[in-house]
């Protein structure tokens, strides 16, 4: 909603679609994210292809769950990673699925190692702040 690289008219349409829970919302966001004009590219007379996206999202969530869960299952986790990469590559919306996988992995890492992530970020910020101090 705050991405200024997306034109104001498209952001307004997306904001309204969010408010009314419009079935075209996912498609509008994908197109805006890809830099396509929302109004010129969407044929509203057709029904949105949300079923394929929902199935893909569910598949990505299930595979990310396998990859990020506790335990030492290198064969199973490696296979899940391979299937995940293939699913993203073969998808109609690979960027959207990759973002979903990234967010899930980040959330899972936060659950497992929140303090480690915070310490790493603090160290990075400290290094940047003190780079010119000598």
C-alpha atoms as a PDB file:
ATOM      1  CA  UNK A   1       0.000   0.000   0.000  1.00  0.00           C
ATOM      2  CA  UNK A   2       2.915   2.336   0.605  1.00  0.00           C
ATOM      3  CA  UNK A   3       5.026   1.252  -2.391  1.00  0.00           C
ATOM      4  CA  UNK A   4       5.538   4.471  -4.335  1.00  0.00           C
ATOM      5  CA  UNK A   5       6.827   2.543  -7.357  1.00  0.00           C
ATOM      6  CA  UNK A   6       3.173   1.577  -7.953  1.00  0.00           C
ATOM      7  CA  UNK A   7       1.072   4.387  -9.395  1.00  0.00           C
ATOM      8  CA  UNK A   8      -1.483   6.024  -7.059  1.00  0.00           C
ATOM      9  CA  UNK A   9      -4.503   4.874  -9.098  1.00  0.00           C
ATOM     10  CA  UNK A  10      -3.417   1.226  -8.904  1.00  0.00           C
ATOM     11  CA  UNK A  11      -2.748   1.540  -5.177  1.00  0.00           C
ATOM     12  CA  UNK A  12      -6.247   2.973  -4.703  1.00  0.00           C
ATOM     13  CA  UNK A  13      -7.800   0.059  -6.617  1.00  0.00           C
ATOM     14  CA  UNK A  14      -5.764  -2.435  -4.579  1.00  0.00           C
ATOM     15  CA  UNK A  15      -6.734  -0.702  -1.325  1.00  0.00           C
ATOM     16  CA  UNK A  16     -10.415  -0.870  -2.277  1.00  0.00           C
ATOM     17  CA  UNK A  17     -10.087  -4.528  -3.357  1.00  0.00           C
ATOM     18  CA  UNK A  18      -8.621  -5.281   0.078  1.00  0.00           C
ATOM     19  CA  UNK A  19     -11.499  -3.529   1.825  1.00  0.00           C
ATOM     20  CA  UNK A  20     -14.172  -5.500  -0.011  1.00  0.00           C
ATOM     21  CA  UNK A  21     -12.188  -8.769  -0.111  1.00  0.00           C
ATOM     22  CA  UNK A  22     -12.360  -8.787  -3.908  1.00  0.00           C
ATOM     23  CA  UNK A  23     -11.458 -12.095  -5.614  1.00  0.00           C
ATOM     24  CA  UNK A  24      -9.270 -10.143  -8.048  1.00  0.00           C
ATOM     25  CA  UNK A  25      -7.031  -8.824  -5.243  1.00  0.00           C
ATOM     26  CA  UNK A  26      -4.246 -11.395  -5.686  1.00  0.00           C
ATOM     27  CA  UNK A  27      -4.166 -10.816  -9.441  1.00  0.00           C
ATOM     28  CA  UNK A  28      -4.136  -7.026  -9.035  1.00  0.00           C
ATOM     29  CA  UNK A  29      -1.250  -7.205  -6.546  1.00  0.00           C
ATOM     30  CA  UNK A  30       0.727  -9.584  -8.780  1.00  0.00           C
ATOM     31  CA  UNK A  31       0.338  -7.309 -11.775  1.00  0.00           C
ATOM     32  CA  UNK A  32       1.210  -4.168  -9.828  1.00  0.00           C
ATOM     33  CA  UNK A  33       4.217  -5.945  -8.314  1.00  0.00           C
ATOM     34  CA  UNK A  34       5.350  -6.897 -11.823  1.00  0.00           C
ATOM     35  CA  UNK A  35       5.120  -3.256 -12.885  1.00  0.00           C
ATOM     36  CA  UNK A  36       2.116  -3.819 -15.152  1.00  0.00           C
ATOM     37  CA  UNK A  37      -0.644  -1.216 -15.221  1.00  0.00           C
ATOM     38  CA  UNK A  38      -3.616  -2.622 -13.329  1.00  0.00           C
ATOM     39  CA  UNK A  39      -6.392  -1.082 -15.430  1.00  0.00           C
ATOM     40  CA  UNK A  40      -5.068  -1.943 -18.876  1.00  0.00           C
ATOM     41  CA  UNK A  41      -4.180  -5.575 -18.229  1.00  0.00           C
ATOM     42  CA  UNK A  42      -7.043  -7.086 -16.246  1.00  0.00           C
ATOM     43  CA  UNK A  43     -10.062  -8.475 -18.090  1.00  0.00           C
ATOM     44  CA  UNK A  44     -12.718  -8.195 -15.390  1.00  0.00           C
ATOM     45  CA  UNK A  45     -15.216 -10.192 -17.483  1.00  0.00           C
ATOM     46  CA  UNK A  46     -13.258 -13.356 -16.673  1.00  0.00           C
ATOM     47  CA  UNK A  47     -13.103 -15.021 -13.289  1.00  0.00           C
ATOM     48  CA  UNK A  48      -9.783 -14.791 -11.431  1.00  0.00           C
ATOM     49  CA  UNK A  49      -7.523 -17.836 -11.338  1.00  0.00           C
ATOM     50  CA  UNK A  50      -7.421 -18.029  -7.558  1.00  0.00           C
ATOM     51  CA  UNK A  51      -7.794 -21.811  -7.288  1.00  0.00           C
ATOM     52  CA  UNK A  52      -4.412 -22.463  -8.916  1.00  0.00           C
ATOM     53  CA  UNK A  53      -2.795 -19.825  -6.716  1.00  0.00           C
ATOM     54  CA  UNK A  54      -4.458 -21.207  -3.574  1.00  0.00           C
ATOM     55  CA  UNK A  55      -3.221 -24.720  -4.381  1.00  0.00           C
ATOM     56  CA  UNK A  56       0.264 -23.359  -5.057  1.00  0.00           C
ATOM     57  CA  UNK A  57       0.269 -21.382  -1.807  1.00  0.00           C
ATOM     58  CA  UNK A  58      -0.826 -24.461   0.140  1.00  0.00           C
ATOM     59  CA  UNK A  59       1.905 -26.525  -1.531  1.00  0.00           C
ATOM     60  CA  UNK A  60       4.555 -23.914  -0.702  1.00  0.00           C
ATOM     61  CA  UNK A  61       3.380 -23.758   2.915  1.00  0.00           C
ATOM     62  CA  UNK A  62       3.475 -27.553   3.254  1.00  0.00           C
ATOM     63  CA  UNK A  63       6.943 -27.804   1.711  1.00  0.00           C
ATOM     64  CA  UNK A  64       8.297 -24.912   3.793  1.00  0.00           C
ATOM     65  CA  UNK A  65       6.923 -26.680   6.856  1.00  0.00           C
ATOM     66  CA  UNK A  66       8.865 -29.836   5.979  1.00  0.00           C
ATOM     67  CA  UNK A  67      12.056 -27.909   5.281  1.00  0.00           C
ATOM     68  CA  UNK A  68      11.928 -25.784   8.440  1.00  0.00           C
ATOM     69  CA  UNK A  69      10.665 -28.279  10.998  1.00  0.00           C
ATOM     70  CA  UNK A  70      12.757 -29.587  13.854  1.00  0.00           C
ATOM     71  CA  UNK A  71      14.709 -32.778  13.457  1.00  0.00           C
ATOM     72  CA  UNK A  72      17.465 -34.159  11.323  1.00  0.00           C
ATOM     73  CA  UNK A  73      15.911 -35.485   8.116  1.00  0.00           C
ATOM     74  CA  UNK A  74      18.371 -34.364   5.439  1.00  0.00           C
ATOM     75  CA  UNK A  75      16.980 -36.611   2.695  1.00  0.00           C
ATOM     76  CA  UNK A  76      13.366 -35.551   3.255  1.00  0.00           C
ATOM     77  CA  UNK A  77      14.228 -31.857   3.682  1.00  0.00           C
ATOM     78  CA  UNK A  78      16.430 -31.879   0.568  1.00  0.00           C
ATOM     79  CA  UNK A  79      13.658 -33.494  -1.449  1.00  0.00           C
ATOM     80  CA  UNK A  80      11.156 -30.931  -0.161  1.00  0.00           C
ATOM     81  CA  UNK A  81      13.517 -28.111  -1.135  1.00  0.00           C
ATOM     82  CA  UNK A  82      13.879 -29.558  -4.646  1.00  0.00           C
ATOM     83  CA  UNK A  83      10.091 -29.845  -5.020  1.00  0.00           C
ATOM     84  CA  UNK A  84       9.657 -26.307  -3.637  1.00  0.00           C
ATOM     85  CA  UNK A  85      12.107 -24.848  -6.158  1.00  0.00           C
ATOM     86  CA  UNK A  86      10.411 -26.744  -8.982  1.00  0.00           C
ATOM     87  CA  UNK A  87       6.955 -25.592  -7.845  1.00  0.00           C
ATOM     88  CA  UNK A  88       8.076 -21.980  -7.791  1.00  0.00           C
ATOM     89  CA  UNK A  89       9.763 -22.291 -11.177  1.00  0.00           C
ATOM     90  CA  UNK A  90       6.725 -23.923 -12.826  1.00  0.00           C
ATOM     91  CA  UNK A  91       4.172 -21.554 -11.289  1.00  0.00           C
ATOM     92  CA  UNK A  92       2.291 -18.890 -13.207  1.00  0.00           C
ATOM     93  CA  UNK A  93       3.335 -16.485 -10.428  1.00  0.00           C
ATOM     94  CA  UNK A  94       6.846 -17.485  -9.308  1.00  0.00           C
ATOM     95  CA  UNK A  95       7.625 -14.173  -7.607  1.00  0.00           C
ATOM     96  CA  UNK A  96       4.508 -14.366  -5.453  1.00  0.00           C
ATOM     97  CA  UNK A  97       5.266 -17.941  -4.370  1.00  0.00           C
ATOM     98  CA  UNK A  98       8.922 -17.128  -3.719  1.00  0.00           C
ATOM     99  CA  UNK A  99       7.821 -14.254  -1.481  1.00  0.00           C
ATOM    100  CA  UNK A 100       5.447 -16.591   0.371  1.00  0.00           C
ATOM    101  CA  UNK A 101       8.256 -19.112   0.910  1.00  0.00           C
ATOM    102  CA  UNK A 102      10.615 -16.358   2.071  1.00  0.00           C
ATOM    103  CA  UNK A 103       8.111 -15.005   4.575  1.00  0.00           C
ATOM    104  CA  UNK A 104       7.384 -18.482   5.930  1.00  0.00           C
ATOM    105  CA  UNK A 105      11.077 -19.274   6.307  1.00  0.00           C
ATOM    106  CA  UNK A 106      11.731 -15.947   8.035  1.00  0.00           C
ATOM    107  CA  UNK A 107       8.837 -16.508  10.430  1.00  0.00           C
ATOM    108  CA  UNK A 108      10.041 -20.033  11.198  1.00  0.00           C
ATOM    109  CA  UNK A 109      13.609 -18.828  11.766  1.00  0.00           C
ATOM    110  CA  UNK A 110      12.226 -16.210  14.113  1.00  0.00           C
ATOM    111  CA  UNK A 111      10.387 -18.902  16.081  1.00  0.00           C
ATOM    112  CA  UNK A 112      13.480 -21.074  16.349  1.00  0.00           C
ATOM    113  CA  UNK A 113      16.170 -18.462  16.836  1.00  0.00           C
ATOM    114  CA  UNK A 114      14.696 -15.043  17.543  1.00  0.00           C
ATOM    115  CA  UNK A 115      17.553 -13.895  19.781  1.00  0.00           C
ATOM    116  CA  UNK A 116      20.175 -15.025  17.278  1.00  0.00           C
ATOM    117  CA  UNK A 117      18.455 -13.058  14.510  1.00  0.00           C
ATOM    118  CA  UNK A 118      18.211  -9.945  16.690  1.00  0.00           C
ATOM    119  CA  UNK A 119      21.872 -10.227  17.722  1.00  0.00           C
ATOM    120  CA  UNK A 120      22.938 -10.534  14.076  1.00  0.00           C
ATOM    121  CA  UNK A 121      20.901  -7.436  13.129  1.00  0.00           C
ATOM    122  CA  UNK A 122      22.279  -5.440  16.085  1.00  0.00           C
ATOM    123  CA  UNK A 123      25.810  -6.408  15.095  1.00  0.00           C
ATOM    124  CA  UNK A 124      25.180  -5.282  11.515  1.00  0.00           C
ATOM    125  CA  UNK A 125      23.693  -1.947  12.584  1.00  0.00           C
ATOM    126  CA  UNK A 126      26.506  -1.389  15.086  1.00  0.00           C
ATOM    127  CA  UNK A 127      29.107  -2.081  12.390  1.00  0.00           C
ATOM    128  CA  UNK A 128      27.439   0.424  10.035  1.00  0.00           C
ATOM    129  CA  UNK A 129      27.070   3.088  12.714  1.00  0.00           C
ATOM    130  CA  UNK A 130      30.648   2.810  13.876  1.00  0.00           C
ATOM    131  CA  UNK A 131      32.241   2.399  10.440  1.00  0.00           C
ATOM    132  CA  UNK A 132      33.492   5.999  10.354  1.00  0.00           C
ATOM    133  CA  UNK A 133      34.529   6.158  14.014  1.00  0.00           C
ATOM    134  CA  UNK A 134      38.244   5.740  14.590  1.00  0.00           C
END
